[in-house]
Amino acid sequence: MTATILVADDDAAIRTVLNQALTRAGYDVRITSNAATLWRWISAGEGDLVVTDVIMPDENAFDLLPRIKKARPDLPVLVMSAQNTFMTAIKASEKGAYDYLPKPFDLTELIAIIGRALAEPKRRPARLDDDMQDGMPLVGRSAAMQEIYRVLARLMQTDLTLMITGESGTGKELVARALHDYGKRRNGPFVAINMAAIPRDLIESELFGHEKGAFTGAQNRSTGRFEQAEGGTLFLDEIGDMPMDAQTRLLRVLQQGEYTTVGGRTPIRTDVRIVAATNKDLKTTINQGLFREDLYYRLNVVPLRLPPLRDRAEDIPDLVRHFIQQGEKEGLDSKRFDTEAVDVMKSYAWPGNVRELENLVRRLMALYPQDVISREIIEAELRSDINDSPITKAGAPTGSMTIAQAVEENMRSYFAGFGDSLPPTGLYERVLTEMEYPLILAALTATRGNQIKAADLLGLNRNTLRKKIRELGVSVYRSSRTA
């Protein structure tokens, strides 16, 4: 029998296009411009599948969806919307839609989805809590972001392991948090661990915990991140930096759902969803013998690659507005970016991706008195960023010294001063401490002693900055330490 498709959209042009395309595909099609007629057809048992816009003159499709799912739970509903946000995709999924398509949509893709839906109807009964519906954890309306929204919406009510890849600064942890906060484990803990930030010999203890006496210095039993994340989500960032021994332990968790603490013998059952992330090419790391291939395939059940900001430049205006709103909530002065300034930002390569854009917006809000940010200000700031970075817009060295290069040069000179001997021990902590003072002094000088703006510039909590100023004896009016 020929399937009947019910189409509801208040745009006459879209109704015509859908009618022609679906009829050519071999379906019977019924078209309406309002929710009342659509509901009458559905209540009468008509139709095998629904394609509906979210916003209609008489009712929102998200209000209609629960009634549809209650009356006819096996009726697939495809939702279309010009409001192409992360929350639209999530609401469509959580309200029971089979799938979500952002406008403008691809007719070939729509017809393919209809074919799958008719062959295998799906139910998605879970709902969003009301207090979650106002949030906007992910921002962007580009085609690349729309696909990410759709993938996340499909994964919300599953426990499938996810592997997020992408350049630094693209928002991998933000995606992991969104998957947790809007998924079925949202009432459990979200625990994150960065493999690159922990000494390699401590990673196993950090992940799985250790028993008293397991190693030198283990004076008490310590819980690991798996135990802390029980019932929730464990985010393993920079997974490519995990040492081989820890990889073997992690593989056992994925295969058997249990682990042992360092120094322990009793297996511990675990109920944790794992989301991993990396900015490395793990297949290259596997070929180098630094990452287990079997672990890679266990983690890469659902791959999700986040696009660099340069590949979704059309999202920059939305992102800028989002960061301005965040800054206003934190007490920063409100700003507006003129059209030419935004155009310059859209043409920039953004080697630091979304994180670099966020830092720029916060810096402009903190340091510039102008209410309107002009093209000239953006160009000056971006020239400064390019000169401070080893990567230019074209991806080539700029020829100017980076912070890392300056530190390396000074450290070589420092070591050379000892000849064949070595410097005193404890160098790591001393270098970090010595770098803090001139960094904080420079920030205070740039902000004319304004500690609030200096904290924003440094990315520090204001209380933390005040504490460091006291401890280090920093004064914006003097260039040397106070006694």
Protein backbone atom coordinates (compact mmCIF):
# COMPACT_ATOMS: atom_id res chain seq x y z
CA MET A 1 0.00 0.00 0.00
CA THR A 2 1.12 3.55 -0.71
CA ALA A 3 1.99 5.45 2.45
CA THR A 4 0.19 8.72 3.20
CA ILE A 5 2.27 11.69 4.33
CA LEU A 6 0.60 14.50 6.28
CA VAL A 7 2.35 17.84 5.72
CA ALA A 8 1.71 20.97 7.82
CA ASP A 9 3.44 24.28 7.08
CA ASP A 10 2.13 27.84 6.90
CA ASP A 11 4.48 28.68 4.01
CA ALA A 12 2.65 28.09 0.72
CA ALA A 13 5.88 27.71 -1.25
CA ILE A 14 7.15 24.97 1.05
CA ARG A 15 3.81 23.17 0.90
CA THR A 16 3.98 23.19 -2.90
CA VAL A 17 7.56 21.94 -3.03
CA LEU A 18 6.88 19.14 -0.54
CA ASN A 19 3.68 18.12 -2.30
CA GLN A 20 5.45 17.80 -5.64
CA ALA A 21 8.56 16.07 -4.28
CA LEU A 22 6.71 13.53 -2.12
CA THR A 23 4.19 12.77 -4.86
CA ARG A 24 7.04 12.09 -7.30
CA ALA A 25 8.55 9.79 -4.66
CA GLY A 26 5.37 7.70 -4.78
CA TYR A 27 3.54 8.86 -1.65
CA ASP A 28 0.00 10.08 -1.17
CA VAL A 29 0.25 13.58 0.27
CA ARG A 30 -2.19 15.68 2.31
CA ILE A 31 -1.30 19.32 2.82
CA THR A 32 -2.46 21.84 5.42
CA SER A 33 -1.37 25.25 6.67
CA ASN A 34 -2.46 24.84 10.29
CA ALA A 35 -2.15 22.56 13.32
CA ALA A 36 -5.91 22.17 13.85
CA THR A 37 -6.42 20.38 10.54
CA LEU A 38 -3.33 18.26 11.09
CA TRP A 39 -4.62 17.18 14.51
CA ARG A 40 -8.04 16.35 13.05
CA TRP A 41 -6.47 14.05 10.48
CA ILE A 42 -4.25 12.38 13.08
CA SER A 43 -7.17 11.92 15.50
CA ALA A 44 -9.14 10.24 12.73
CA GLY A 45 -6.32 7.72 12.23
CA GLU A 46 -5.21 9.13 8.89
CA GLY A 47 -1.64 9.30 7.66
CA ASP A 48 1.41 7.06 8.04
CA LEU A 49 3.90 9.84 8.75
CA VAL A 50 3.82 13.55 9.61
CA VAL A 51 6.08 16.33 8.34
CA THR A 52 5.40 19.54 10.25
CA ASP A 53 6.86 22.98 10.80
CA VAL A 54 7.38 24.04 14.42
CA ILE A 55 5.76 27.47 14.20
CA MET A 56 2.22 27.51 12.80
CA PRO A 57 -0.48 30.18 13.07
CA ASP A 58 -2.64 28.37 15.59
CA GLU A 59 -0.29 26.12 17.59
CA ASN A 60 3.36 25.27 18.15
CA ALA A 61 4.28 21.77 16.99
CA PHE A 62 6.14 21.15 20.25
CA ASP A 63 2.82 21.61 22.09
CA LEU A 64 1.07 19.29 19.64
CA LEU A 65 3.70 16.53 19.70
CA PRO A 66 2.84 15.11 23.17
CA ARG A 67 -0.80 14.72 22.11
CA ILE A 68 0.25 12.99 18.92
CA LYS A 69 2.54 10.58 20.76
CA LYS A 70 -0.18 9.80 23.29
CA ALA A 71 -2.87 9.20 20.66
CA ARG A 72 -0.67 7.42 18.10
CA PRO A 73 2.71 6.50 19.62
CA ASP A 74 3.91 4.68 16.49
CA LEU A 75 3.24 7.60 14.11
CA PRO A 76 6.63 9.04 13.03
CA VAL A 77 6.78 12.83 13.13
CA LEU A 78 9.47 14.82 11.31
CA VAL A 79 9.89 18.37 12.57
CA MET A 80 11.15 21.24 10.43
CA SER A 81 12.25 24.61 11.78
CA ALA A 82 13.91 27.84 10.70
CA GLN A 83 14.91 28.35 14.36
CA ASN A 84 18.09 26.36 13.86
CA THR A 85 19.47 26.10 17.38
CA PHE A 86 20.75 23.31 19.56
CA MET A 87 17.69 23.57 21.81
CA THR A 88 15.32 23.21 18.83
CA ALA A 89 16.96 19.90 17.92
CA ILE A 90 16.90 18.72 21.52
CA LYS A 91 13.26 19.70 22.07
CA ALA A 92 12.25 17.91 18.87
CA SER A 93 13.94 14.74 20.07
CA GLU A 94 12.72 14.95 23.66
CA LYS A 95 9.13 15.74 22.66
CA GLY A 96 9.04 12.55 20.62
CA ALA A 97 9.88 13.58 17.05
CA TYR A 98 11.48 10.91 14.86
CA ASP A 99 13.90 13.46 13.44
CA TYR A 100 14.56 17.17 13.02
CA LEU A 101 15.44 19.04 9.85
CA PRO A 102 16.63 22.66 9.84
CA LYS A 103 15.34 24.96 7.12
CA PRO A 104 16.36 25.21 4.37
CA PHE A 105 16.44 21.42 4.03
CA ASP A 106 17.61 19.01 1.36
CA LEU A 107 14.71 17.22 -0.35
CA THR A 108 16.79 14.11 -1.07
CA GLU A 109 17.70 13.84 2.62
CA LEU A 110 14.07 14.41 3.67
CA ILE A 111 12.81 11.63 1.41
CA ALA A 112 15.55 9.27 2.68
CA ILE A 113 14.56 9.99 6.30
CA ILE A 114 10.90 9.36 5.48
CA GLY A 115 11.83 6.00 3.97
CA ARG A 116 13.74 4.98 7.10
CA ALA A 117 10.99 6.21 9.40
CA LEU A 118 8.30 4.23 7.58
CA ALA A 119 10.45 1.12 7.59
CA GLU A 120 11.35 1.33 11.28
CA PRO A 121 9.31 3.73 13.42
CA LYS A 122 11.01 4.93 16.59
CA ARG A 123 9.75 6.18 19.93
CA ARG A 124 11.46 8.82 22.02
CA PRO A 125 9.41 9.21 25.19
CA ALA A 126 11.75 11.19 27.43
CA ARG A 127 11.15 14.90 28.06
CA LEU A 128 13.28 17.85 28.96
CA ASP A 129 12.91 19.34 32.38
CA ASP A 130 11.40 22.83 32.18
CA ASP A 131 14.43 24.44 33.80
CA MET A 132 16.65 23.10 31.01
CA GLN A 133 14.76 24.64 28.13
CA ASP A 134 16.13 28.16 28.51
CA GLY A 135 19.79 27.20 28.23
CA MET A 136 21.89 27.49 25.10
CA PRO A 137 25.02 25.39 25.67
CA LEU A 138 25.95 25.28 21.97
CA VAL A 139 25.71 28.23 19.60
CA GLY A 140 25.57 28.38 15.81
CA ARG A 141 23.17 28.00 12.89
CA SER A 142 25.63 26.81 10.24
CA ALA A 143 25.09 23.53 8.40
CA ALA A 144 28.03 21.99 10.25
CA MET A 145 26.52 22.82 13.64
CA GLN A 146 23.07 21.64 12.57
CA GLU A 147 24.48 18.19 11.91
CA ILE A 148 26.13 18.16 15.35
CA TYR A 149 22.81 19.12 16.97
CA ARG A 150 21.04 16.28 15.18
CA VAL A 151 23.66 13.71 16.18
CA LEU A 152 23.54 14.83 19.82
CA ALA A 153 19.75 14.77 19.84
CA ARG A 154 19.82 11.14 18.71
CA LEU A 155 22.39 10.20 21.35
CA MET A 156 20.72 11.87 24.35
CA GLN A 157 18.76 8.82 25.46
CA THR A 158 21.53 6.28 24.79
CA ASP A 159 24.69 5.23 26.61
CA LEU A 160 26.77 4.85 23.46
CA THR A 161 30.42 5.79 23.81
CA LEU A 162 31.29 8.95 21.89
CA MET A 163 34.64 10.04 20.44
CA ILE A 164 34.86 13.80 19.86
CA THR A 165 37.66 15.04 17.64
CA GLY A 166 38.62 18.53 16.57
CA GLU A 167 41.22 21.23 16.94
CA SER A 168 41.95 22.84 20.30
CA GLY A 169 39.37 25.45 21.22
CA THR A 170 36.49 23.99 19.20
CA GLY A 171 34.44 23.16 22.30
CA LYS A 172 34.87 19.42 22.84
CA GLU A 173 34.17 19.55 26.57
CA LEU A 174 31.18 21.82 25.95
CA VAL A 175 29.69 19.17 23.65
CA ALA A 176 30.35 16.44 26.22
CA ARG A 177 28.63 18.52 28.92
CA ALA A 178 25.64 19.17 26.66
CA LEU A 179 25.30 15.45 25.98
CA HIS A 180 25.31 14.82 29.73
CA ASP A 181 23.17 17.75 30.85
CA TYR A 182 20.37 16.99 28.39
CA GLY A 183 20.63 13.19 28.39
CA LYS A 184 19.22 10.47 30.59
CA ARG A 185 22.24 10.66 32.94
CA ARG A 186 21.75 14.35 33.72
CA ASN A 187 20.90 13.59 37.37
CA GLY A 188 24.29 11.92 37.82
CA PRO A 189 27.72 13.58 38.06
CA PHE A 190 29.74 14.89 35.14
CA VAL A 191 33.45 14.28 35.78
CA ALA A 192 36.20 15.49 33.44
CA ILE A 193 39.87 14.54 33.37
CA ASN A 194 42.53 15.86 30.99
CA MET A 195 45.18 13.23 30.28
CA ALA A 196 47.71 15.82 29.15
CA ALA A 197 47.46 17.75 32.43
CA ILE A 198 48.32 14.85 34.76
CA PRO A 199 51.77 13.24 35.25
CA ARG A 200 51.73 9.98 33.31
CA ASP A 201 52.67 7.89 36.34
CA LEU A 202 49.61 9.18 38.23
CA ILE A 203 46.94 8.72 35.55
CA GLU A 204 45.96 5.19 36.61
CA SER A 205 45.52 6.33 40.21
CA GLU A 206 43.53 9.38 39.08
CA LEU A 207 41.21 7.26 36.96
CA PHE A 208 40.74 4.15 39.08
CA GLY A 209 41.76 5.24 42.58
CA HIS A 210 44.32 3.53 44.79
CA GLU A 211 44.53 1.59 48.02
CA LYS A 212 46.51 2.63 51.07
CA GLY A 213 50.15 1.63 50.59
CA ALA A 214 49.73 0.97 46.85
CA PHE A 215 52.80 3.12 46.15
CA THR A 216 55.12 5.50 47.95
CA GLY A 217 53.08 8.37 49.33
CA ALA A 218 49.74 6.52 49.21
CA GLN A 219 48.95 7.03 52.89
CA ASN A 220 45.19 6.63 52.47
CA ARG A 221 42.72 5.05 50.08
CA SER A 222 41.79 7.47 47.29
CA THR A 223 38.74 7.39 45.02
CA GLY A 224 39.30 7.66 41.28
CA ARG A 225 37.34 9.48 38.60
CA PHE A 226 35.39 6.34 37.68
CA GLU A 227 34.05 6.08 41.21
CA GLN A 228 33.31 9.81 41.30
CA ALA A 229 31.40 9.58 38.00
CA GLU A 230 29.27 6.56 39.02
CA GLY A 231 25.82 6.84 37.46
CA GLY A 232 26.90 9.77 35.30
CA THR A 233 29.36 10.69 32.56
CA LEU A 234 33.16 10.50 32.53
CA PHE A 235 34.82 12.82 30.00
CA LEU A 236 38.32 11.69 29.02
CA ASP A 237 39.93 14.69 27.35
CA GLU A 238 43.14 14.37 25.30
CA ILE A 239 42.73 10.60 25.30
CA GLY A 240 45.69 10.30 22.92
CA ASP A 241 48.02 11.19 25.81
CA MET A 242 46.93 8.22 27.94
CA PRO A 243 49.87 5.85 28.71
CA MET A 244 49.65 2.24 27.53
CA ASP A 245 49.15 0.68 30.99
CA ALA A 246 46.16 2.93 31.65
CA GLN A 247 44.82 2.13 28.16
CA THR A 248 44.82 -1.57 29.07
CA ARG A 249 42.85 -0.88 32.25
CA LEU A 250 40.38 1.32 30.38
CA LEU A 251 39.86 -1.37 27.75
CA ARG A 252 38.86 -3.80 30.51
CA VAL A 253 36.26 -1.32 31.76
CA LEU A 254 34.77 -1.00 28.30
CA GLN A 255 34.79 -4.76 27.71
CA GLN A 256 33.70 -6.05 31.13
CA GLY A 257 32.19 -3.05 32.91
CA GLU A 258 34.54 -3.38 35.88
CA TYR A 259 37.95 -2.24 37.13
CA THR A 260 40.31 -2.62 40.08
CA THR A 261 41.95 0.19 42.01
CA VAL A 262 45.73 0.55 41.93
CA GLY A 263 46.93 -1.90 44.57
CA GLY A 264 43.48 -3.47 44.83
CA ARG A 265 42.37 -6.99 43.95
CA THR A 266 38.58 -6.89 44.14
CA PRO A 267 36.86 -5.99 40.84
CA ILE A 268 34.49 -3.03 41.10
CA ARG A 269 31.44 -2.87 38.84
CA THR A 270 30.88 0.50 37.22
CA ASP A 271 27.97 2.27 35.54
CA VAL A 272 29.50 5.21 33.70
CA ARG A 273 29.02 6.64 30.24
CA ILE A 274 32.36 7.43 28.62
CA VAL A 275 32.92 10.35 26.26
CA ALA A 276 36.45 10.70 24.92
CA ALA A 277 38.05 13.59 23.05
CA THR A 278 41.30 14.33 21.24
CA ASN A 279 42.87 16.85 18.89
CA LYS A 280 45.30 14.20 17.61
CA ASP A 281 45.03 11.81 14.68
CA LEU A 282 44.68 8.61 16.70
CA LYS A 283 45.22 6.38 13.67
CA THR A 284 48.68 7.91 13.28
CA THR A 285 49.26 7.39 17.02
CA ILE A 286 48.21 3.73 16.59
CA ASN A 287 50.70 3.29 13.75
CA GLN A 288 53.39 4.72 16.02
CA GLY A 289 52.58 2.08 18.63
CA LEU A 290 51.41 4.66 21.17
CA PHE A 291 47.70 3.83 21.22
CA ARG A 292 45.87 0.52 21.29
CA GLU A 293 43.86 -0.17 18.17
CA ASP A 294 41.30 -2.28 20.05
CA LEU A 295 40.74 0.55 22.52
CA TYR A 296 40.31 3.01 19.66
CA TYR A 297 37.45 0.99 18.19
CA ARG A 298 35.85 0.59 21.62
CA LEU A 299 35.90 4.36 22.13
CA ASN A 300 35.01 5.32 18.57
CA VAL A 301 31.52 3.81 18.63
CA VAL A 302 30.03 7.16 17.58
CA PRO A 303 32.59 9.57 16.05
CA LEU A 304 31.82 13.29 16.13
CA ARG A 305 34.18 15.80 14.56
CA LEU A 306 33.81 19.44 15.57
CA PRO A 307 34.53 21.92 12.78
CA PRO A 308 37.12 24.67 13.27
CA LEU A 309 35.66 28.16 13.54
CA ARG A 310 37.11 29.15 10.15
CA ASP A 311 34.82 26.54 8.56
CA ARG A 312 31.69 28.03 10.15
CA ALA A 313 32.39 31.74 10.00
CA GLU A 314 28.67 32.45 9.56
CA ASP A 315 28.25 31.50 13.24
CA ILE A 316 30.54 34.30 14.45
CA PRO A 317 27.78 36.95 14.90
CA ASP A 318 25.74 34.54 17.05
CA LEU A 319 28.80 33.58 19.06
CA VAL A 320 29.78 37.21 19.63
CA ARG A 321 26.27 38.03 20.91
CA HIS A 322 26.42 34.99 23.19
CA PHE A 323 29.79 35.99 24.68
CA ILE A 324 28.62 39.58 25.16
CA GLN A 325 25.59 38.32 27.11
CA GLN A 326 27.88 36.17 29.26
CA GLY A 327 30.18 39.10 29.90
CA GLU A 328 27.28 41.37 30.88
CA LYS A 329 26.17 38.82 33.48
CA GLU A 330 29.67 38.95 34.95
CA GLY A 331 29.61 42.74 35.21
CA LEU A 332 31.54 43.68 32.06
CA ASP A 333 30.48 46.73 30.07
CA SER A 334 28.08 45.97 27.22
CA LYS A 335 29.43 46.38 23.69
CA ARG A 336 28.12 46.42 20.15
CA PHE A 337 30.16 45.39 17.10
CA ASP A 338 29.59 47.33 13.88
CA THR A 339 29.04 45.48 10.61
CA GLU A 340 32.56 46.05 9.27
CA ALA A 341 34.09 44.78 12.50
CA VAL A 342 32.09 41.56 12.22
CA ASP A 343 33.14 41.20 8.57
CA VAL A 344 36.80 41.39 9.62
CA MET A 345 36.20 38.75 12.27
CA LYS A 346 34.51 36.48 9.73
CA SER A 347 37.52 36.71 7.42
CA TYR A 348 40.07 35.86 10.15
CA ALA A 349 41.43 32.29 10.37
CA TRP A 350 40.95 31.86 14.18
CA PRO A 351 43.79 29.41 14.92
CA GLY A 352 42.53 29.27 18.52
CA ASN A 353 38.95 28.65 17.33
CA VAL A 354 35.95 29.50 19.53
CA ARG A 355 38.10 29.87 22.62
CA GLU A 356 40.16 32.56 20.88
CA LEU A 357 36.98 34.40 19.83
CA GLU A 358 35.62 34.27 23.37
CA ASN A 359 38.87 35.64 24.79
CA LEU A 360 38.84 38.46 22.26
CA VAL A 361 35.27 39.50 23.07
CA ARG A 362 35.94 39.45 26.81
CA ARG A 363 39.13 41.47 26.34
CA LEU A 364 37.33 44.08 24.27
CA MET A 365 34.56 44.35 26.86
CA ALA A 366 37.07 44.73 29.67
CA LEU A 367 39.60 47.12 28.14
CA TYR A 368 37.84 49.39 25.63
CA PRO A 369 35.64 52.28 26.79
CA GLN A 370 33.86 52.60 23.43
CA ASP A 371 30.26 51.35 23.28
CA VAL A 372 30.71 50.34 19.63
CA ILE A 373 33.66 48.18 18.58
CA SER A 374 34.90 49.32 15.19
CA ARG A 375 36.72 47.64 12.35
CA GLU A 376 39.93 49.46 13.32
CA ILE A 377 39.86 48.06 16.86
CA ILE A 378 39.32 44.50 15.61
CA GLU A 379 42.09 44.81 13.05
CA ALA A 380 44.50 46.12 15.69
CA GLU A 381 43.61 43.32 18.13
CA LEU A 382 43.87 40.60 15.53
CA ARG A 383 47.22 41.94 14.28
CA SER A 384 48.44 41.69 17.87
CA ASP A 385 47.14 38.12 18.15
CA ILE A 386 48.82 37.16 14.89
CA ASN A 387 52.14 38.67 15.99
CA ASP A 388 51.96 36.78 19.29
CA SER A 389 51.25 33.46 17.59
CA PRO A 390 53.52 31.09 15.63
CA ILE A 391 50.63 30.60 13.20
CA THR A 392 49.40 33.33 10.86
CA LYS A 393 46.22 33.40 8.82
CA ALA A 394 48.03 31.48 6.12
CA GLY A 395 49.42 29.01 8.67
CA ALA A 396 53.05 30.11 8.33
CA PRO A 397 55.44 31.46 10.98
CA THR A 398 55.25 35.20 11.48
CA GLY A 399 58.92 35.65 12.27
CA SER A 400 58.19 37.22 15.66
CA MET A 401 58.99 35.45 18.92
CA THR A 402 56.18 33.67 20.73
CA ILE A 403 55.90 33.43 24.50
CA ALA A 404 57.03 29.80 24.35
CA GLN A 405 60.04 30.73 22.22
CA ALA A 406 60.98 33.56 24.58
CA VAL A 407 60.79 31.25 27.59
CA GLU A 408 62.83 28.60 25.78
CA GLU A 409 65.53 31.13 24.84
CA ASN A 410 65.79 32.48 28.39
CA MET A 411 65.87 28.99 29.91
CA ARG A 412 68.71 27.99 27.59
CA SER A 413 70.65 31.06 28.71
CA TYR A 414 69.87 30.23 32.34
CA PHE A 415 71.15 26.65 32.01
CA ALA A 416 74.20 27.82 30.07
CA GLY A 417 75.16 30.02 33.03
CA PHE A 418 75.82 26.91 35.14
CA GLY A 419 78.30 25.46 32.64
CA ASP A 420 78.63 21.69 33.17
CA SER A 421 76.68 21.82 36.44
CA LEU A 422 72.92 21.70 36.89
CA PRO A 423 70.75 24.44 38.43
CA PRO A 424 69.38 23.91 41.95
CA THR A 425 66.50 21.46 42.26
CA GLY A 426 62.86 22.53 42.38
CA LEU A 427 63.24 24.47 39.13
CA TYR A 428 59.74 23.73 37.82
CA GLU A 429 57.90 25.42 40.70
CA ARG A 430 60.41 28.29 40.81
CA VAL A 431 59.97 29.07 37.12
CA LEU A 432 56.17 29.06 37.43
CA THR A 433 56.34 31.36 40.45
CA GLU A 434 58.83 33.70 38.79
CA MET A 435 56.61 33.98 35.70
CA GLU A 436 53.52 34.82 37.73
CA TYR A 437 54.87 38.13 39.02
CA PRO A 438 55.69 39.84 35.68
CA LEU A 439 52.50 38.42 34.11
CA ILE A 440 50.25 39.86 36.81
CA LEU A 441 52.22 43.12 36.83
CA ALA A 442 51.80 43.48 33.06
CA ALA A 443 48.05 42.85 33.33
CA LEU A 444 47.67 45.44 36.09
CA THR A 445 49.72 47.93 34.12
CA ALA A 446 47.62 47.38 30.98
CA THR A 447 44.41 47.92 32.97
CA ARG A 448 45.78 50.92 34.91
CA GLY A 449 45.56 49.03 38.17
CA ASN A 450 41.94 47.92 37.73
CA GLN A 451 41.95 44.51 39.42
CA ILE A 452 38.53 43.51 38.06
CA LYS A 453 39.62 44.10 34.47
CA ALA A 454 43.01 42.50 35.11
CA ALA A 455 41.32 39.35 36.46
CA ASP A 456 39.15 39.19 33.33
CA LEU A 457 42.17 39.73 31.13
CA LEU A 458 44.08 36.91 32.85
CA GLY A 459 41.06 34.62 33.03
CA LEU A 460 41.35 34.39 36.82
CA ASN A 461 38.76 34.57 39.54
CA ARG A 462 38.94 38.07 41.05
CA ASN A 463 39.51 36.72 44.56
CA THR A 464 42.31 34.52 43.23
CA LEU A 465 43.98 37.54 41.63
CA ARG A 466 43.74 39.59 44.83
CA LYS A 467 45.29 36.72 46.79
CA LYS A 468 48.19 36.43 44.33
CA ILE A 469 48.77 40.21 44.41
CA ARG A 470 49.11 40.02 48.20
CA GLU A 471 51.30 36.90 48.16
CA LEU A 472 53.65 38.20 45.44
CA GLY A 473 53.66 41.82 46.59
CA VAL A 474 52.68 43.06 43.13
CA SER A 475 52.07 46.78 42.67
CA VAL A 476 51.08 48.43 39.42
CA TYR A 477 53.06 51.51 40.41
CA ARG A 478 56.37 49.72 40.97
CA SER A 479 58.38 47.46 38.73
CA SER A 480 60.12 45.53 41.50
CA ARG A 481 58.90 43.34 44.32
CA THR A 482 58.02 44.98 47.60
CA ALA A 483 59.92 43.96 50.67
